[in-house]
Protein backbone atom coordinates (compact mmCIF):
# COMPACT_ATOMS: atom_id res chain seq x y z
CA UNK A 1 -0.09 -0.21 -0.23
CA UNK A 2 1.46 3.28 -1.27
CA UNK A 3 0.93 6.97 0.77
CA UNK A 4 0.30 10.45 -0.56
CA UNK A 5 1.73 13.82 0.87
CA UNK A 6 -0.65 15.67 -1.55
CA UNK A 7 -2.19 15.40 -5.38
CA UNK A 8 -5.56 14.65 -3.73
CA UNK A 9 -8.29 15.44 -6.19
CA UNK A 10 -10.18 18.87 -4.93
CA UNK A 11 -6.86 19.88 -2.98
CA UNK A 12 -5.97 23.14 -2.28
CA UNK A 13 -2.87 24.51 -1.23
CA UNK A 14 -1.03 27.96 -0.57
CA UNK A 15 2.46 27.77 0.53
CA UNK A 16 4.08 31.41 0.99
CA UNK A 17 7.50 31.75 -0.16
CA UNK A 18 10.10 32.08 3.12
CA UNK A 19 11.79 35.43 1.81
CA UNK A 20 7.78 36.83 1.62
CA UNK A 21 7.24 35.85 4.87
CA UNK A 22 11.14 36.50 6.28
CA UNK A 23 10.27 40.39 4.60
CA UNK A 24 7.15 41.11 6.34
CA UNK A 25 7.79 39.42 9.85
CA UNK A 26 11.05 41.83 9.56
CA UNK A 27 9.07 45.06 9.12
CA UNK A 28 6.20 43.64 12.08
CA UNK A 29 8.07 41.47 14.36
CA UNK A 30 5.10 41.11 16.41
CA UNK A 31 3.64 39.11 13.73
CA UNK A 32 6.15 36.44 13.66
CA UNK A 33 4.64 33.91 15.99
CA UNK A 34 0.67 33.97 14.31
CA UNK A 35 2.15 34.37 10.34
CA UNK A 36 0.22 31.66 8.24
CA UNK A 37 3.06 30.15 6.15
CA UNK A 38 1.30 27.32 4.89
CA UNK A 39 -2.54 26.83 4.39
CA UNK A 40 -4.60 24.23 2.50
CA UNK A 41 -7.69 22.11 2.08
CA UNK A 42 -7.33 18.01 1.41
CA UNK A 43 -10.85 16.64 0.91
CA UNK A 44 -11.34 12.83 1.32
CA UNK A 45 -7.27 12.81 1.62
CA UNK A 46 -6.99 8.70 1.11
CA UNK A 47 -3.59 7.49 2.40
CA UNK A 48 -2.55 10.92 3.09
CA UNK A 49 0.61 10.41 5.75
CA UNK A 50 3.17 12.70 6.80
CA UNK A 51 6.26 11.71 8.54
CA UNK A 52 8.56 14.37 9.72
CA UNK A 53 11.75 12.58 11.09
CA UNK A 54 13.03 15.65 12.58
CA UNK A 55 9.91 17.18 13.80
CA UNK A 56 8.97 20.60 12.91
CA UNK A 57 9.96 24.51 13.06
CA UNK A 58 6.50 25.50 12.74
CA UNK A 59 3.30 24.89 14.20
CA UNK A 60 0.86 23.38 12.90
CA UNK A 61 -2.96 23.55 13.17
CA UNK A 62 -5.34 20.19 11.71
CA UNK A 63 -8.62 20.28 11.20
CA UNK A 64 -10.64 17.33 10.73
CA UNK A 65 -14.26 18.11 8.85
CA UNK A 66 -15.15 14.79 7.85
CA UNK A 67 -13.98 11.47 8.61
CA UNK A 68 -10.70 10.27 10.97
CA UNK A 69 -6.97 10.87 11.15
CA UNK A 70 -4.30 10.42 13.69
CA UNK A 71 -0.97 12.24 14.77
CA UNK A 72 2.07 10.77 16.84
CA UNK A 73 4.21 13.43 18.67
CA UNK A 74 7.21 11.33 19.91
CA UNK A 75 5.36 8.92 22.54
CA UNK A 76 2.25 10.36 22.61
CA UNK A 77 -0.73 9.35 20.25
CA UNK A 78 -3.98 11.31 19.11
CA UNK A 79 -6.89 10.29 16.99
CA UNK A 80 -8.73 13.03 15.11
CA UNK A 81 -12.26 12.78 14.50
CA UNK A 82 -14.45 15.11 12.30
CA UNK A 83 -15.18 18.36 14.01
CA UNK A 84 -12.06 18.42 15.97
CA UNK A 85 -8.60 20.17 16.05
CA UNK A 86 -5.24 19.26 16.89
CA UNK A 87 -2.10 22.30 17.06
CA UNK A 88 1.23 20.39 16.93
CA UNK A 89 3.62 22.72 18.50
CA UNK A 90 7.10 22.88 16.81
CA UNK A 91 9.14 20.68 17.99
CA UNK A 92 12.29 18.12 17.24
CA UNK A 93 10.56 14.99 17.88
CA UNK A 94 9.25 12.84 14.97
CA UNK A 95 5.98 13.83 14.36
CA UNK A 96 3.81 11.71 11.96
CA UNK A 97 0.06 12.19 11.13
CA UNK A 98 -2.13 10.87 8.22
CA UNK A 99 -5.50 9.37 7.36
CA UNK A 100 -7.82 6.55 8.67
CA UNK A 101 -7.51 3.99 6.08
CA UNK A 102 -11.25 3.04 6.23
CA UNK A 103 -12.63 6.91 6.86
CA UNK A 104 -10.00 8.77 5.40
CA UNK A 105 -10.20 12.56 6.84
CA UNK A 106 -11.28 16.05 5.06
CA UNK A 107 -8.54 18.42 6.67
């Protein structure tokens, strides 16, 4: 069975270039902790799987609209169900998240 990080039918994704983010934060330092650098919509994301072996430098918000998914950070494991969200703080711990095989999430 294969897994995917993106490319789902109906997917929307916006990635702000680092140069834009850094320039804005230099001019407006108060926004550095709250600035959205990536945002996306992943409908019926079957086989969605992300593993960050070195953790993640950014905070991540995952909001589940439909279906189910999971997340693990270090030794902690979380199920994510419809109408639930999870905020993953920046960490150096191994971070893994993905959709359920039977009921893939829409996030």
